[in-house]
Amino acid sequence: ASLNASNKSDSKEYCENHDDSRTKAIITCSKCGYLCTECDKYLHLSKKSKSHHRQLFKTAESSLVLIKHENMCRAKLYWLMCVVDTQSNKAIIEFRSGFNAIAPDSLVCRFCNDV
């Protein structure tokens, strides 16, 4: 019985849509189970599944991924992505829609306290 319980807790860490037992899950869906970022995007594209109740893991909310490729730098949070071209010094910031409840409440300007 304890073996069964430990397998169940381990499965929470991995995407149920992948069969590799290596792809980490970052979100849980009430209908689809534990999913990685890519599976979450793909499985929730349709109108039917967009309304599924999903909860982001606390560790994934604040994890930051930095990618540097030639002249481009990318910083990714689950709910935000920032891409910077280091040659032209131009940047694009993209907020992920539909995750206002998950994004931190501190999305106010630190200088003027406006939203």
N, C-alpha and C. Protein backbone atom coordinates (compact mmCIF):
# COMPACT_ATOMS: atom_id res chain seq x y z
N ALA A 1 0.82 -1.20 0.00
CA ALA A 1 0.00 0.00 0.00
C ALA A 1 0.86 1.26 0.00
N SER A 2 2.00 1.23 0.75
CA SER A 2 2.85 2.41 0.79
C SER A 2 3.56 2.63 -0.54
N LEU A 3 3.84 1.56 -1.27
CA LEU A 3 4.44 1.69 -2.60
C LEU A 3 3.48 2.41 -3.54
N ASN A 4 2.22 2.07 -3.46
CA ASN A 4 1.20 2.70 -4.27
C ASN A 4 1.09 4.19 -3.95
N ALA A 5 1.16 4.54 -2.66
CA ALA A 5 1.07 5.94 -2.24
C ALA A 5 2.29 6.72 -2.70
N SER A 6 3.49 6.12 -2.66
CA SER A 6 4.68 6.85 -3.10
C SER A 6 4.67 7.06 -4.60
N ASN A 7 4.16 6.11 -5.37
CA ASN A 7 4.04 6.29 -6.82
C ASN A 7 3.07 7.41 -7.15
N LYS A 8 2.00 7.51 -6.36
CA LYS A 8 1.01 8.55 -6.60
C LYS A 8 1.61 9.93 -6.34
N SER A 9 2.42 10.07 -5.28
CA SER A 9 3.03 11.37 -4.99
C SER A 9 4.10 11.71 -6.02
N ASP A 10 4.84 10.70 -6.52
CA ASP A 10 5.84 10.95 -7.54
C ASP A 10 5.21 11.38 -8.85
N SER A 11 4.02 10.86 -9.17
CA SER A 11 3.37 11.19 -10.44
C SER A 11 2.96 12.66 -10.49
N LYS A 12 2.81 13.31 -9.33
CA LYS A 12 2.45 14.72 -9.31
C LYS A 12 3.56 15.58 -9.88
N GLU A 13 4.78 15.09 -9.86
CA GLU A 13 5.91 15.87 -10.32
C GLU A 13 6.09 15.80 -11.83
N TYR A 14 5.45 14.84 -12.48
CA TYR A 14 5.68 14.62 -13.91
C TYR A 14 4.40 14.76 -14.71
N CYS A 15 4.56 15.18 -15.96
CA CYS A 15 3.44 15.37 -16.88
C CYS A 15 2.78 14.03 -17.18
N GLU A 16 1.47 13.97 -17.00
CA GLU A 16 0.73 12.73 -17.25
C GLU A 16 0.52 12.48 -18.74
N ASN A 17 0.73 13.51 -19.56
CA ASN A 17 0.55 13.35 -21.00
C ASN A 17 1.79 12.78 -21.67
N HIS A 18 2.94 12.92 -21.04
CA HIS A 18 4.18 12.33 -21.54
C HIS A 18 4.37 10.94 -20.94
N ASP A 19 4.99 10.06 -21.68
CA ASP A 19 5.25 8.71 -21.18
C ASP A 19 6.69 8.53 -20.73
N ASP A 20 7.46 9.61 -20.66
CA ASP A 20 8.89 9.47 -20.39
C ASP A 20 9.26 9.51 -18.91
N SER A 21 8.36 9.89 -18.02
CA SER A 21 8.63 10.02 -16.58
C SER A 21 9.80 10.95 -16.28
N ARG A 22 10.07 11.91 -17.19
CA ARG A 22 11.13 12.89 -16.99
C ARG A 22 10.62 14.31 -17.14
N THR A 23 9.54 14.50 -17.89
CA THR A 23 9.03 15.84 -18.15
C THR A 23 8.26 16.34 -16.93
N LYS A 24 8.75 17.42 -16.34
CA LYS A 24 8.16 17.95 -15.11
C LYS A 24 6.82 18.62 -15.38
N ALA A 25 5.87 18.39 -14.51
CA ALA A 25 4.57 19.05 -14.56
C ALA A 25 4.68 20.38 -13.81
N ILE A 26 3.98 21.39 -14.31
CA ILE A 26 3.98 22.68 -13.62
C ILE A 26 2.56 23.15 -13.31
N ILE A 27 1.56 22.41 -13.81
CA ILE A 27 0.18 22.82 -13.65
C ILE A 27 -0.69 21.59 -13.46
N THR A 28 -1.75 21.75 -12.72
CA THR A 28 -2.72 20.66 -12.58
C THR A 28 -4.07 21.15 -13.10
N CYS A 29 -4.70 20.31 -13.91
CA CYS A 29 -6.00 20.61 -14.50
C CYS A 29 -7.01 19.65 -13.87
N SER A 30 -8.19 20.16 -13.55
CA SER A 30 -9.20 19.33 -12.91
C SER A 30 -9.65 18.18 -13.79
N LYS A 31 -9.56 18.34 -15.10
CA LYS A 31 -9.99 17.29 -16.04
C LYS A 31 -8.82 16.50 -16.64
N CYS A 32 -7.71 17.18 -16.92
CA CYS A 32 -6.60 16.56 -17.66
C CYS A 32 -5.49 16.02 -16.76
N GLY A 33 -5.42 16.45 -15.51
CA GLY A 33 -4.39 15.97 -14.59
C GLY A 33 -3.18 16.89 -14.57
N TYR A 34 -2.02 16.31 -14.26
CA TYR A 34 -0.77 17.07 -14.15
C TYR A 34 -0.13 17.21 -15.51
N LEU A 35 0.22 18.48 -15.89
CA LEU A 35 0.71 18.76 -17.24
C LEU A 35 1.94 19.66 -17.22
N CYS A 36 2.79 19.50 -18.25
CA CYS A 36 3.91 20.41 -18.46
C CYS A 36 3.39 21.63 -19.23
N THR A 37 4.24 22.60 -19.46
CA THR A 37 3.84 23.82 -20.15
C THR A 37 3.33 23.56 -21.55
N GLU A 38 4.07 22.76 -22.32
CA GLU A 38 3.69 22.49 -23.71
C GLU A 38 2.37 21.74 -23.81
N CYS A 39 2.18 20.72 -22.97
CA CYS A 39 0.93 19.96 -23.00
C CYS A 39 -0.25 20.82 -22.56
N ASP A 40 -0.01 21.70 -21.58
CA ASP A 40 -1.07 22.61 -21.14
C ASP A 40 -1.51 23.51 -22.28
N LYS A 41 -0.54 24.07 -23.01
CA LYS A 41 -0.86 24.93 -24.15
C LYS A 41 -1.66 24.17 -25.20
N TYR A 42 -1.19 22.99 -25.55
CA TYR A 42 -1.82 22.21 -26.62
C TYR A 42 -3.20 21.69 -26.23
N LEU A 43 -3.32 21.12 -25.05
CA LEU A 43 -4.58 20.51 -24.64
C LEU A 43 -5.68 21.52 -24.34
N HIS A 44 -5.31 22.76 -24.06
CA HIS A 44 -6.30 23.77 -23.71
C HIS A 44 -6.48 24.83 -24.79
N LEU A 45 -6.21 24.47 -26.04
CA LEU A 45 -6.43 25.39 -27.16
C LEU A 45 -7.90 25.46 -27.57
N SER A 46 -8.61 24.36 -27.50
CA SER A 46 -9.99 24.33 -27.99
C SER A 46 -10.92 25.07 -27.03
N LYS A 47 -12.03 25.53 -27.57
CA LYS A 47 -13.02 26.25 -26.77
C LYS A 47 -13.58 25.36 -25.66
N LYS A 48 -13.68 24.08 -25.96
CA LYS A 48 -14.24 23.13 -25.00
C LYS A 48 -13.35 22.99 -23.76
N SER A 49 -12.05 22.96 -23.95
CA SER A 49 -11.14 22.71 -22.83
C SER A 49 -10.54 23.99 -22.22
N LYS A 50 -10.77 25.15 -22.86
CA LYS A 50 -10.24 26.41 -22.32
C LYS A 50 -10.82 26.74 -20.95
N SER A 51 -12.03 26.26 -20.69
CA SER A 51 -12.70 26.59 -19.43
C SER A 51 -12.32 25.64 -18.29
N HIS A 52 -11.43 24.69 -18.53
CA HIS A 52 -11.00 23.79 -17.46
C HIS A 52 -10.37 24.59 -16.33
N HIS A 53 -10.64 24.17 -15.11
CA HIS A 53 -10.03 24.83 -13.95
C HIS A 53 -8.60 24.32 -13.80
N ARG A 54 -7.64 25.24 -13.91
CA ARG A 54 -6.22 24.88 -13.82
C ARG A 54 -5.56 25.64 -12.68
N GLN A 55 -4.62 24.97 -12.03
CA GLN A 55 -3.88 25.59 -10.93
C GLN A 55 -2.39 25.40 -11.17
N LEU A 56 -1.66 26.49 -11.16
CA LEU A 56 -0.22 26.48 -11.35
C LEU A 56 0.45 26.09 -10.05
N PHE A 57 1.47 25.23 -10.11
CA PHE A 57 2.22 24.86 -8.92
C PHE A 57 2.93 26.09 -8.39
N LYS A 58 3.05 26.21 -7.09
CA LYS A 58 3.71 27.36 -6.47
C LYS A 58 5.15 27.53 -6.96
N THR A 59 5.86 26.42 -7.14
CA THR A 59 7.26 26.51 -7.59
C THR A 59 7.35 27.04 -9.01
N ALA A 60 6.35 26.75 -9.85
CA ALA A 60 6.38 27.20 -11.24
C ALA A 60 6.01 28.67 -11.37
N GLU A 61 5.27 29.20 -10.41
CA GLU A 61 4.87 30.61 -10.47
C GLU A 61 6.07 31.53 -10.51
N SER A 62 7.09 31.18 -9.75
CA SER A 62 8.21 32.09 -9.61
C SER A 62 9.49 31.61 -10.30
N SER A 63 9.42 30.49 -11.01
CA SER A 63 10.64 30.01 -11.67
C SER A 63 10.92 30.85 -12.91
N LEU A 64 12.17 31.22 -13.08
CA LEU A 64 12.60 32.08 -14.16
C LEU A 64 13.52 31.30 -15.08
N VAL A 65 13.28 31.41 -16.39
CA VAL A 65 14.13 30.76 -17.39
C VAL A 65 14.77 31.88 -18.21
N LEU A 66 16.09 31.88 -18.28
CA LEU A 66 16.83 32.86 -19.08
C LEU A 66 17.49 32.14 -20.25
N ILE A 67 17.27 32.66 -21.46
CA ILE A 67 17.84 32.06 -22.67
C ILE A 67 18.56 33.15 -23.44
N LYS A 68 19.82 32.89 -23.79
CA LYS A 68 20.61 33.83 -24.60
C LYS A 68 20.95 33.13 -25.91
N HIS A 69 20.59 33.75 -27.02
CA HIS A 69 20.90 33.19 -28.34
C HIS A 69 21.33 34.34 -29.25
N GLU A 70 22.60 34.33 -29.64
CA GLU A 70 23.19 35.38 -30.48
C GLU A 70 22.86 36.76 -29.90
N ASN A 71 22.04 37.55 -30.60
CA ASN A 71 21.73 38.91 -30.15
C ASN A 71 20.44 39.00 -29.34
N MET A 72 19.80 37.89 -29.07
CA MET A 72 18.52 37.90 -28.38
C MET A 72 18.65 37.31 -26.98
N CYS A 73 17.99 37.94 -26.03
CA CYS A 73 17.89 37.42 -24.67
C CYS A 73 16.41 37.27 -24.35
N ARG A 74 16.05 36.18 -23.70
CA ARG A 74 14.66 35.93 -23.35
C ARG A 74 14.58 35.56 -21.87
N ALA A 75 13.68 36.22 -21.16
CA ALA A 75 13.39 35.90 -19.77
C ALA A 75 11.93 35.45 -19.72
N LYS A 76 11.71 34.25 -19.16
CA LYS A 76 10.36 33.69 -19.14
C LYS A 76 9.94 33.32 -17.73
N LEU A 77 8.80 33.83 -17.34
CA LEU A 77 8.06 33.34 -16.20
C LEU A 77 6.83 32.65 -16.78
N TYR A 78 6.08 31.94 -15.99
CA TYR A 78 4.92 31.26 -16.55
C TYR A 78 3.91 32.24 -17.12
N TRP A 79 3.75 33.38 -16.49
CA TRP A 79 2.72 34.34 -16.87
C TRP A 79 3.27 35.53 -17.65
N LEU A 80 4.59 35.56 -17.94
CA LEU A 80 5.20 36.70 -18.61
C LEU A 80 6.41 36.25 -19.41
N MET A 81 6.64 36.90 -20.57
CA MET A 81 7.86 36.66 -21.34
C MET A 81 8.39 38.00 -21.83
N CYS A 82 9.70 38.18 -21.70
CA CYS A 82 10.36 39.40 -22.14
C CYS A 82 11.49 39.01 -23.09
N VAL A 83 11.47 39.57 -24.30
CA VAL A 83 12.50 39.30 -25.30
C VAL A 83 13.20 40.62 -25.60
N VAL A 84 14.54 40.59 -25.57
CA VAL A 84 15.34 41.80 -25.80
C VAL A 84 16.32 41.54 -26.92
N ASP A 85 16.37 42.46 -27.89
CA ASP A 85 17.37 42.44 -28.95
C ASP A 85 18.51 43.33 -28.47
N THR A 86 19.67 42.73 -28.21
CA THR A 86 20.78 43.48 -27.63
C THR A 86 21.44 44.43 -28.62
N GLN A 87 21.29 44.21 -29.92
CA GLN A 87 21.87 45.13 -30.91
C GLN A 87 21.05 46.40 -31.03
N SER A 88 19.74 46.26 -31.13
CA SER A 88 18.89 47.44 -31.31
C SER A 88 18.36 47.99 -29.99
N ASN A 89 18.59 47.27 -28.89
CA ASN A 89 18.09 47.65 -27.57
C ASN A 89 16.58 47.83 -27.55
N LYS A 90 15.87 46.96 -28.27
CA LYS A 90 14.41 46.95 -28.27
C LYS A 90 13.94 45.71 -27.52
N ALA A 91 12.78 45.84 -26.87
CA ALA A 91 12.25 44.73 -26.08
C ALA A 91 10.77 44.57 -26.32
N ILE A 92 10.30 43.35 -26.13
CA ILE A 92 8.88 43.03 -26.19
C ILE A 92 8.54 42.30 -24.90
N ILE A 93 7.48 42.76 -24.24
CA ILE A 93 7.00 42.10 -23.03
C ILE A 93 5.61 41.58 -23.32
N GLU A 94 5.41 40.30 -23.08
CA GLU A 94 4.12 39.66 -23.35
C GLU A 94 3.59 39.04 -22.07
N PHE A 95 2.36 39.43 -21.72
CA PHE A 95 1.69 38.84 -20.56
C PHE A 95 0.77 37.73 -21.05
N ARG A 96 0.78 36.64 -20.38
CA ARG A 96 -0.07 35.51 -20.76
C ARG A 96 -1.50 35.80 -20.34
N SER A 97 -2.44 35.68 -21.25
CA SER A 97 -3.84 35.98 -20.94
C SER A 97 -4.49 34.81 -20.22
N GLY A 98 -5.49 35.14 -19.41
CA GLY A 98 -6.25 34.12 -18.72
C GLY A 98 -5.65 33.64 -17.42
N PHE A 99 -4.57 34.25 -16.98
CA PHE A 99 -3.93 33.81 -15.75
C PHE A 99 -3.81 34.94 -14.75
N ASN A 100 -4.76 35.86 -14.74
CA ASN A 100 -4.71 36.98 -13.80
C ASN A 100 -4.75 36.51 -12.36
N ALA A 101 -5.49 35.45 -12.09
CA ALA A 101 -5.60 34.94 -10.72
C ALA A 101 -4.29 34.33 -10.26
N ILE A 102 -3.49 33.86 -11.20
CA ILE A 102 -2.23 33.21 -10.86
C ILE A 102 -1.10 34.21 -10.74
N ALA A 103 -1.14 35.25 -11.55
CA ALA A 103 -0.06 36.24 -11.52
C ALA A 103 -0.04 36.95 -10.18
N PRO A 104 1.11 37.34 -9.72
CA PRO A 104 1.21 38.01 -8.42
C PRO A 104 0.40 39.29 -8.38
N ASP A 105 -0.01 39.66 -7.18
CA ASP A 105 -0.77 40.90 -7.00
C ASP A 105 0.11 42.13 -7.17
N SER A 106 1.41 41.92 -7.25
CA SER A 106 2.33 43.05 -7.30
C SER A 106 2.56 43.56 -8.73
N LEU A 107 1.55 43.46 -9.59
CA LEU A 107 1.68 43.96 -10.95
C LEU A 107 1.32 45.45 -11.00
N VAL A 108 1.89 46.20 -10.10
CA VAL A 108 1.70 47.65 -10.07
C VAL A 108 3.06 48.30 -10.25
N CYS A 109 3.05 49.49 -10.77
CA CYS A 109 4.28 50.23 -10.97
C CYS A 109 4.93 50.51 -9.61
N ARG A 110 6.20 50.21 -9.50
CA ARG A 110 6.86 50.41 -8.21
C ARG A 110 7.13 51.89 -7.93
N PHE A 111 6.97 52.76 -8.93
CA PHE A 111 7.22 54.17 -8.74
C PHE A 111 5.94 54.95 -8.45
N CYS A 112 4.85 54.67 -9.19
CA CYS A 112 3.63 55.46 -9.01
C CYS A 112 2.48 54.66 -8.39
N ASN A 113 2.68 53.36 -8.17
CA ASN A 113 1.67 52.47 -7.57
C ASN A 113 0.41 52.36 -8.41
N ASP A 114 0.52 52.59 -9.72
CA ASP A 114 -0.62 52.46 -10.62
C ASP A 114 -0.55 51.08 -11.30
N VAL A 115 -1.70 50.55 -11.68
CA VAL A 115 -1.76 49.23 -12.31
C VAL A 115 -1.27 49.29 -13.73
